[in-house]
Amino acid sequence: MTTIDQIETVILDIPTIRGHVLSMATMRSQTAVLVRVKFSDGSEGIGEGTTIGGLSYGAESPEGIQSAIDTYIAPTLAGRDGNDVNGAIQLVDRLVKGNRIAKTAVEIALWDGLGKRLGVPVSQLFGGAVHKALPVAWTLASGNSETDIAEAQEMIETRRHNIFKLKIGKRGVRDDIAHVARIKAAIGDTGSVRVDVNQAWSLADARWGLKGLQEVGCELVEQPVQARFRRAMAELTNGYEIAVMADEALNGPEDALTVVAGNAADVFAVKVAQSGGLKRASEVAAIGQAAGLGLYGGTMLETGLGTAAALQLFSTVEALRWGTEFFGPLLLTEEILCEPIVYCDFCVEIPTGTGIGASLDPDKVAFYRRDRGRTIKAAAGE
């Protein structure tokens, strides 16, 4: 029997190519918790747990993710059968409450190790890939209309992206609508424009916001109000033609069922980390698909490692009506994989090879690891 011998964690701080302006923080770097699981037969698996803007986005911080793994999850799994991934998921869920991102990081490493030992990609462990590439969006989040327009036009010309998500909610609603209108007018029918409010609006603001966004040609609005306001989400979903997407409201399959039952979204943003791992994310996608909702592959701005893992799962999903946003590695100044993920023709290619199809560049990991004295943090509230 191949057992779990050791689980190691390291925190990386990697600068972003520009300020990434959200309603609750301005990111100038991304922090990722990397996990390496070593097995008794000498094989290894790697995983990643990443959040956005420290604690400004959700309840887990990079430091908390690392602590949860080192203190609680790793001792729980030590000595267990490394091939029994479902058993490990169930055990950790029973003994560790919440901490979905920490669970995700370890689970990815377990799937990666299993795939490598079997000589198959992780997609095969979820029934097999039905896509070789997936449409991929790019987020325009400089906060400046002219900068965003120039960026969007360059992406279209180079055939890297023609789906654009704008981060709004930091300014007044009318200013945000004007910002979106300028960008949509500039790119016209050559690109799709969506917005992510990251829960920043009240219901009253959202009513005006959705009406205005719909009129200027925006196709979708993501999580316009706080996740706990399910009735408000339902009112907005039923009140406008523009699609309403649930994001922060989805923390695993139980939330997915509640959103469906309350008719509180048209689209699911399915995030591996927010769901609690690849298996739970597959369940969220299945619930959305069974309910007739649109699906969208969401990101926590992971490095290439976490992105590769997500691509393995989403390559098995039959229909992704709204595409994906697996652009995380492109937002970073450095690639930490030996072989970067490929972006071309407005799509992201599914990594090939065994496991998640990714291997780490040891020199890059050594340079950006936090315990070497390099600390770069997001500027919350800028």
Protein backbone atom coordinates (compact mmCIF):
# COMPACT_ATOMS: atom_id res chain seq x y z
CA MET A 1 0.00 0.00 0.00
CA THR A 2 1.25 3.46 -0.91
CA THR A 3 0.88 5.66 2.15
CA ILE A 4 1.07 9.39 2.78
CA ASP A 5 4.45 10.02 4.35
CA GLN A 6 4.75 13.79 4.56
CA ILE A 7 2.84 16.95 3.67
CA GLU A 8 4.89 20.12 3.24
CA THR A 9 3.70 23.70 2.72
CA VAL A 10 5.37 26.89 1.55
CA ILE A 11 4.02 30.41 0.99
CA LEU A 12 4.99 32.30 -2.17
CA ASP A 13 4.57 36.05 -2.77
CA ILE A 14 4.66 36.92 -6.48
CA PRO A 15 4.20 40.48 -7.82
CA THR A 16 1.43 41.18 -10.34
CA ILE A 17 2.04 42.89 -13.69
CA ARG A 18 -0.13 45.84 -12.58
CA GLY A 19 -2.41 46.88 -9.78
CA HIS A 20 -5.52 44.68 -9.81
CA VAL A 21 -8.29 46.92 -8.47
CA LEU A 22 -11.25 45.20 -6.80
CA SER A 23 -14.07 46.70 -4.77
CA MET A 24 -12.44 45.57 -1.51
CA ALA A 25 -8.69 45.67 -2.23
CA THR A 26 -5.99 46.59 -4.70
CA MET A 27 -3.74 43.64 -5.38
CA ARG A 28 -0.11 44.28 -6.28
CA SER A 29 0.96 40.72 -5.65
CA GLN A 30 -0.55 37.29 -5.27
CA THR A 31 0.18 34.99 -2.35
CA ALA A 32 -0.10 31.24 -2.89
CA VAL A 33 0.25 28.34 -0.48
CA LEU A 34 1.93 25.44 -2.25
CA VAL A 35 1.59 21.88 -0.96
CA ARG A 36 3.82 18.91 -1.64
CA VAL A 37 2.63 15.46 -0.56
CA LYS A 38 5.30 12.75 -0.41
CA PHE A 39 4.26 9.10 -0.57
CA SER A 40 5.94 5.94 0.68
CA ASP A 41 6.74 4.68 -2.83
CA GLY A 42 8.76 7.82 -3.62
CA SER A 43 6.05 9.51 -5.68
CA GLU A 44 4.89 13.07 -5.03
CA GLY A 45 1.87 15.25 -5.65
CA ILE A 46 1.62 19.04 -5.68
CA GLY A 47 -1.28 21.36 -4.93
CA GLU A 48 -2.14 25.00 -4.33
CA GLY A 49 -4.43 27.01 -2.09
CA THR A 50 -4.91 30.65 -3.02
CA THR A 51 -7.19 33.45 -1.88
CA ILE A 52 -7.54 37.08 -2.98
CA GLY A 53 -6.33 40.15 -1.13
CA GLY A 54 -5.40 38.52 2.18
CA LEU A 55 -8.53 38.50 4.34
CA SER A 56 -10.39 41.18 2.38
CA TYR A 57 -12.11 38.64 0.12
CA GLY A 58 -12.96 35.75 2.41
CA ALA A 59 -12.43 34.09 5.76
CA GLU A 60 -9.16 32.30 4.88
CA SER A 61 -5.80 34.04 4.72
CA PRO A 62 -2.63 32.51 3.22
CA GLU A 63 -1.18 32.24 6.72
CA GLY A 64 -4.36 30.57 8.00
CA ILE A 65 -4.38 28.15 5.06
CA GLN A 66 -0.82 27.08 5.83
CA SER A 67 -1.55 26.75 9.55
CA ALA A 68 -4.69 24.66 8.97
CA ILE A 69 -2.75 22.27 6.75
CA ASP A 70 0.33 21.97 8.97
CA THR A 71 -1.51 21.76 12.28
CA TYR A 72 -4.69 19.83 11.48
CA ILE A 73 -4.92 18.33 7.99
CA ALA A 74 -1.41 16.90 7.62
CA PRO A 75 -1.43 14.98 10.95
CA THR A 76 -4.92 13.64 10.12
CA LEU A 77 -3.75 12.16 6.81
CA ALA A 78 -0.31 10.89 7.84
CA GLY A 79 0.06 7.16 7.21
CA ARG A 80 -3.20 6.81 5.27
CA ASP A 81 -3.56 5.06 1.91
CA GLY A 82 -2.45 7.62 -0.66
CA ASN A 83 -4.71 6.13 -3.33
CA ASP A 84 -7.86 6.57 -1.22
CA VAL A 85 -8.53 10.19 -2.15
CA ASN A 86 -12.27 10.02 -1.48
CA GLY A 87 -11.58 8.56 1.96
CA ALA A 88 -9.16 11.39 2.72
CA ILE A 89 -11.73 14.00 1.62
CA GLN A 90 -14.41 12.50 3.84
CA LEU A 91 -12.09 12.22 6.85
CA VAL A 92 -10.85 15.80 6.58
CA ASP A 93 -14.40 17.11 6.10
CA ARG A 94 -15.40 15.32 9.31
CA LEU A 95 -12.47 16.55 11.41
CA VAL A 96 -11.79 20.02 9.96
CA LYS A 97 -14.70 22.44 9.61
CA GLY A 98 -14.65 25.10 6.90
CA ASN A 99 -11.14 25.88 5.62
CA ARG A 100 -12.14 25.00 2.07
CA ILE A 101 -9.06 26.49 0.44
CA ALA A 102 -6.72 24.58 2.75
CA LYS A 103 -8.59 21.36 1.96
CA THR A 104 -8.40 22.16 -1.74
CA ALA A 105 -4.61 22.53 -1.72
CA VAL A 106 -4.09 19.11 -0.13
CA GLU A 107 -6.76 17.41 -2.23
CA ILE A 108 -5.20 18.65 -5.48
CA ALA A 109 -1.87 17.19 -4.40
CA LEU A 110 -3.53 13.85 -3.62
CA TRP A 111 -5.23 13.71 -7.04
CA ASP A 112 -1.97 14.75 -8.69
CA GLY A 113 -0.04 11.99 -6.93
CA LEU A 114 -2.67 9.39 -7.82
CA GLY A 115 -2.72 10.42 -11.47
CA LYS A 116 1.07 10.22 -11.68
CA ARG A 117 1.15 6.75 -10.11
CA LEU A 118 -1.53 5.52 -12.53
CA GLY A 119 0.10 7.26 -15.48
CA VAL A 120 -3.03 9.25 -16.39
CA PRO A 121 -4.13 12.91 -16.24
CA VAL A 122 -6.42 13.93 -13.38
CA SER A 123 -9.17 14.54 -15.95
CA GLN A 124 -9.24 10.77 -16.49
CA LEU A 125 -10.02 10.28 -12.80
CA PHE A 126 -13.14 12.44 -13.33
CA GLY A 127 -14.36 10.50 -16.35
CA GLY A 128 -12.13 11.90 -19.09
CA ALA A 129 -11.63 15.22 -20.88
CA VAL A 130 -14.15 16.32 -23.50
CA HIS A 131 -12.29 19.55 -24.34
CA LYS A 132 -8.70 20.22 -25.41
CA ALA A 133 -9.05 23.96 -24.84
CA LEU A 134 -11.55 26.30 -23.19
CA PRO A 135 -12.53 29.95 -23.85
CA VAL A 136 -10.76 32.20 -21.36
CA ALA A 137 -11.68 35.70 -20.17
CA TRP A 138 -9.35 38.47 -19.08
CA THR A 139 -10.13 40.85 -16.22
CA LEU A 140 -9.78 44.57 -16.86
CA ALA A 141 -9.05 45.97 -13.43
CA SER A 142 -6.74 48.95 -13.72
CA GLY A 143 -9.61 51.24 -12.69
CA ASN A 144 -8.90 53.58 -15.65
CA SER A 145 -11.15 53.47 -18.72
CA GLU A 146 -8.51 54.43 -21.28
CA THR A 147 -5.99 51.97 -19.86
CA ASP A 148 -8.59 49.20 -19.90
CA ILE A 149 -9.63 50.00 -23.48
CA ALA A 150 -6.04 49.87 -24.71
CA GLU A 151 -5.50 46.60 -22.84
CA ALA A 152 -8.67 45.05 -24.29
CA GLN A 153 -7.81 46.09 -27.84
CA GLU A 154 -4.33 44.62 -27.52
CA MET A 155 -5.78 41.32 -26.25
CA ILE A 156 -8.17 41.13 -29.20
CA GLU A 157 -5.48 41.99 -31.76
CA THR A 158 -3.13 39.32 -30.40
CA ARG A 159 -6.00 36.79 -30.18
CA ARG A 160 -5.35 36.15 -26.51
CA HIS A 161 -8.75 37.19 -25.10
CA ASN A 162 -12.04 38.49 -26.47
CA ILE A 163 -14.06 38.02 -23.26
CA PHE A 164 -13.56 40.77 -20.70
CA LYS A 165 -14.68 41.01 -17.09
CA LEU A 166 -14.54 44.44 -15.48
CA LYS A 167 -14.03 44.82 -11.76
CA ILE A 168 -16.43 47.51 -10.52
CA GLY A 169 -18.16 48.52 -7.29
CA LYS A 170 -15.53 50.81 -5.82
CA ARG A 171 -17.00 53.96 -7.36
CA GLY A 172 -20.58 55.19 -7.51
CA VAL A 173 -23.02 53.17 -9.60
CA ARG A 174 -23.44 55.83 -12.30
CA ASP A 175 -19.67 56.23 -12.61
CA ASP A 176 -19.28 52.47 -12.92
CA ILE A 177 -21.93 52.28 -15.65
CA ALA A 178 -20.21 55.09 -17.55
CA HIS A 179 -16.88 53.26 -17.23
CA VAL A 180 -18.37 50.04 -18.61
CA ALA A 181 -20.17 51.93 -21.38
CA ARG A 182 -16.93 53.52 -22.60
CA ILE A 183 -15.16 50.17 -22.79
CA LYS A 184 -18.06 48.40 -24.51
CA ALA A 185 -18.41 51.21 -27.05
CA ALA A 186 -14.69 51.04 -27.81
CA ILE A 187 -14.53 47.29 -28.47
CA GLY A 188 -18.03 46.92 -29.93
CA ASP A 189 -18.94 43.46 -31.19
CA THR A 190 -15.34 42.25 -31.20
CA GLY A 191 -15.53 41.32 -27.53
CA SER A 192 -17.89 40.31 -24.74
CA VAL A 193 -18.11 42.56 -21.68
CA ARG A 194 -19.15 41.34 -18.22
CA VAL A 195 -18.73 42.86 -14.75
CA ASP A 196 -17.90 41.62 -11.26
CA VAL A 197 -19.17 43.75 -8.37
CA ASN A 198 -17.74 41.52 -5.62
CA GLN A 199 -20.80 42.10 -3.38
CA ALA A 200 -20.29 45.87 -3.22
CA TRP A 201 -23.82 47.08 -4.04
CA SER A 202 -26.96 47.44 -1.97
CA LEU A 203 -30.17 46.12 -3.52
CA ALA A 204 -31.20 49.67 -4.47
CA ASP A 205 -27.85 50.29 -6.16
CA ALA A 206 -28.03 46.93 -7.90
CA ARG A 207 -31.45 47.71 -9.41
CA TRP A 208 -30.05 50.85 -11.03
CA GLY A 209 -26.79 49.08 -11.85
CA LEU A 210 -28.31 46.13 -13.68
CA LYS A 211 -30.68 48.36 -15.62
CA GLY A 212 -27.85 50.64 -16.71
CA LEU A 213 -25.43 47.83 -17.50
CA GLN A 214 -28.05 46.05 -19.57
CA GLU A 215 -28.66 49.22 -21.60
CA VAL A 216 -24.95 49.70 -22.46
CA GLY A 217 -24.47 46.16 -23.74
CA CYS A 218 -23.02 44.34 -20.73
CA GLU A 219 -23.93 40.63 -20.82
CA LEU A 220 -23.50 39.47 -17.24
CA VAL A 221 -23.12 40.81 -13.70
CA GLU A 222 -21.36 38.75 -11.07
CA GLN A 223 -22.42 38.78 -7.41
CA PRO A 224 -23.86 42.33 -7.32
CA VAL A 225 -24.97 42.11 -3.66
CA GLN A 226 -23.66 40.34 -0.58
CA ALA A 227 -23.73 36.56 -0.75
CA ARG A 228 -26.12 36.21 2.17
CA PHE A 229 -28.80 38.33 0.46
CA ARG A 230 -30.40 35.45 -1.43
CA ARG A 231 -33.78 37.17 -1.81
CA ALA A 232 -32.11 40.18 -3.36
CA MET A 233 -30.19 37.93 -5.77
CA ALA A 234 -33.48 36.26 -6.71
CA GLU A 235 -35.18 39.61 -7.33
CA LEU A 236 -32.35 40.73 -9.59
CA THR A 237 -32.23 37.40 -11.40
CA ASN A 238 -35.95 37.54 -12.15
CA GLY A 239 -36.13 41.27 -12.84
CA TYR A 240 -33.67 41.75 -15.70
CA GLU A 241 -32.61 40.13 -18.96
CA ILE A 242 -28.92 40.57 -18.13
CA ALA A 243 -27.53 37.35 -16.64
CA VAL A 244 -26.84 37.30 -12.90
CA MET A 245 -23.98 35.08 -11.74
CA ALA A 246 -23.48 33.69 -8.23
CA ASP A 247 -19.89 33.61 -7.01
CA GLU A 248 -19.26 34.31 -3.32
CA ALA A 249 -22.67 32.76 -2.63
CA LEU A 250 -21.29 29.38 -3.73
CA ASN A 251 -19.22 27.59 -1.11
CA GLY A 252 -19.78 23.99 -2.03
CA PRO A 253 -22.69 21.84 -3.20
CA GLU A 254 -24.97 22.72 -0.28
CA ASP A 255 -24.89 26.39 -1.29
CA ALA A 256 -25.43 25.41 -4.91
CA LEU A 257 -28.65 23.63 -3.98
CA THR A 258 -29.85 26.64 -1.97
CA VAL A 259 -29.16 29.05 -4.83
CA VAL A 260 -31.01 26.81 -7.29
CA ALA A 261 -33.97 26.36 -4.93
CA GLY A 262 -34.25 30.12 -4.47
CA ASN A 263 -33.84 30.91 -8.17
CA ALA A 264 -31.07 33.24 -7.06
CA ALA A 265 -28.83 33.11 -10.14
CA ASP A 266 -28.74 32.45 -13.87
CA VAL A 267 -25.12 31.34 -13.85
CA PHE A 268 -22.75 29.55 -11.47
CA ALA A 269 -19.14 30.74 -11.15
CA VAL A 270 -17.68 27.39 -10.13
CA LYS A 271 -14.41 27.83 -8.24
CA VAL A 272 -12.35 24.84 -7.15
CA ALA A 273 -10.95 26.53 -4.03
CA GLN A 274 -14.24 28.11 -2.99
CA SER A 275 -16.04 24.79 -3.44
CA GLY A 276 -13.55 22.94 -1.24
CA GLY A 277 -11.66 20.94 -3.86
CA LEU A 278 -11.95 19.29 -7.25
CA LYS A 279 -14.54 16.76 -6.12
CA ARG A 280 -16.85 19.32 -4.49
CA ALA A 281 -16.44 21.66 -7.46
CA SER A 282 -17.55 18.85 -9.75
CA GLU A 283 -20.66 18.47 -7.58
CA VAL A 284 -21.40 22.21 -7.78
CA ALA A 285 -21.09 22.04 -11.58
CA ALA A 286 -23.37 19.01 -11.72
CA ILE A 287 -26.05 20.77 -9.66
CA GLY A 288 -25.91 23.85 -11.87
CA GLN A 289 -26.01 21.79 -15.03
CA ALA A 290 -28.94 19.69 -13.79
CA ALA A 291 -30.86 22.88 -12.94
CA GLY A 292 -30.32 24.30 -16.42
CA LEU A 293 -28.06 27.13 -15.25
CA GLY A 294 -25.09 28.42 -17.20
CA LEU A 295 -21.64 27.43 -15.96
CA TYR A 296 -18.45 29.48 -15.77
CA GLY A 297 -15.04 28.32 -14.63
CA GLY A 298 -14.02 30.78 -11.91
CA THR A 299 -10.61 31.61 -10.49
CA MET A 300 -9.04 32.72 -7.24
CA LEU A 301 -6.16 34.04 -9.36
CA GLU A 302 -4.14 30.89 -8.84
CA THR A 303 -0.65 30.40 -10.18
CA GLY A 304 -0.10 27.96 -13.01
CA LEU A 305 -0.25 25.07 -10.55
CA GLY A 306 -3.79 25.70 -9.31
CA THR A 307 -4.85 26.73 -12.81
CA ALA A 308 -3.62 23.44 -14.26
CA ALA A 309 -5.62 21.52 -11.65
CA ALA A 310 -8.79 23.49 -12.42
CA LEU A 311 -8.32 22.94 -16.15
CA GLN A 312 -8.13 19.18 -15.59
CA LEU A 313 -11.56 19.26 -13.94
CA PHE A 314 -13.27 21.71 -16.28
CA SER A 315 -12.04 19.83 -19.34
CA THR A 316 -14.51 17.12 -18.26
CA VAL A 317 -17.55 19.45 -18.01
CA GLU A 318 -19.87 19.03 -20.96
CA ALA A 319 -21.04 22.62 -21.42
CA LEU A 320 -19.42 25.84 -20.16
CA ARG A 321 -21.85 28.35 -21.64
CA TRP A 322 -19.96 31.34 -20.22
CA GLY A 323 -16.40 30.02 -20.64
CA THR A 324 -13.71 30.38 -17.97
CA GLU A 325 -11.41 32.95 -16.39
CA PHE A 326 -8.33 30.82 -15.84
CA PHE A 327 -5.92 33.66 -16.58
CA GLY A 328 -4.24 33.75 -13.14
CA PRO A 329 -0.69 32.95 -14.32
CA LEU A 330 -0.86 35.81 -16.85
CA LEU A 331 -1.44 38.33 -14.06
CA LEU A 332 1.87 37.42 -12.39
CA THR A 333 5.29 38.78 -13.30
CA GLU A 334 6.82 35.31 -13.10
CA GLU A 335 5.73 31.81 -14.11
CA ILE A 336 6.50 29.21 -11.44
CA LEU A 337 5.92 26.16 -13.68
CA CYS A 338 8.63 24.52 -15.75
CA GLU A 339 6.26 24.50 -18.74
CA PRO A 340 3.82 27.43 -18.79
CA ILE A 341 0.15 26.92 -19.58
CA VAL A 342 -0.59 27.82 -23.21
CA TYR A 343 -2.96 30.68 -24.13
CA CYS A 344 -3.85 31.24 -27.79
CA ASP A 345 -6.81 31.85 -30.13
CA PHE A 346 -8.88 33.24 -27.23
CA CYS A 347 -8.58 29.94 -25.36
CA VAL A 348 -6.48 28.24 -22.70
CA GLU A 349 -5.18 24.77 -23.53
CA ILE A 350 -5.63 21.82 -21.18
CA PRO A 351 -2.21 20.69 -19.88
CA THR A 352 -1.11 17.27 -21.06
CA GLY A 353 0.84 14.68 -19.11
CA THR A 354 0.09 12.75 -15.96
CA GLY A 355 -1.47 14.13 -12.79
CA ILE A 356 -2.44 17.78 -13.17
CA GLY A 357 0.08 18.13 -15.98
CA ALA A 358 2.31 20.63 -14.18
CA SER A 359 5.70 20.68 -12.50
CA LEU A 360 7.25 23.43 -10.41
CA ASP A 361 10.36 25.41 -11.31
CA PRO A 362 12.45 24.93 -8.14
CA ASP A 363 14.46 28.12 -8.69
CA LYS A 364 11.32 30.27 -8.94
CA VAL A 365 9.82 28.65 -5.87
CA ALA A 366 13.04 29.21 -3.94
CA PHE A 367 13.16 32.88 -4.97
CA TYR A 368 9.56 33.77 -4.13
CA ARG A 369 9.05 31.75 -0.97
CA ARG A 370 8.17 33.98 1.95
CA ASP A 371 10.47 32.34 4.48
CA ARG A 372 13.40 33.63 2.45
CA GLY A 373 12.53 37.10 3.70
CA ARG A 374 10.49 38.43 0.76
CA THR A 375 7.06 39.76 1.80
CA ILE A 376 4.74 41.62 -0.58
CA LYS A 377 1.15 42.18 0.47
CA ALA A 378 -2.07 43.36 -1.14
CA ALA A 379 -3.08 46.90 -0.26
CA ALA A 380 -6.58 46.49 1.13
CA GLY A 381 -8.93 49.39 0.64
CA GLU A 382 -6.76 51.38 -1.81
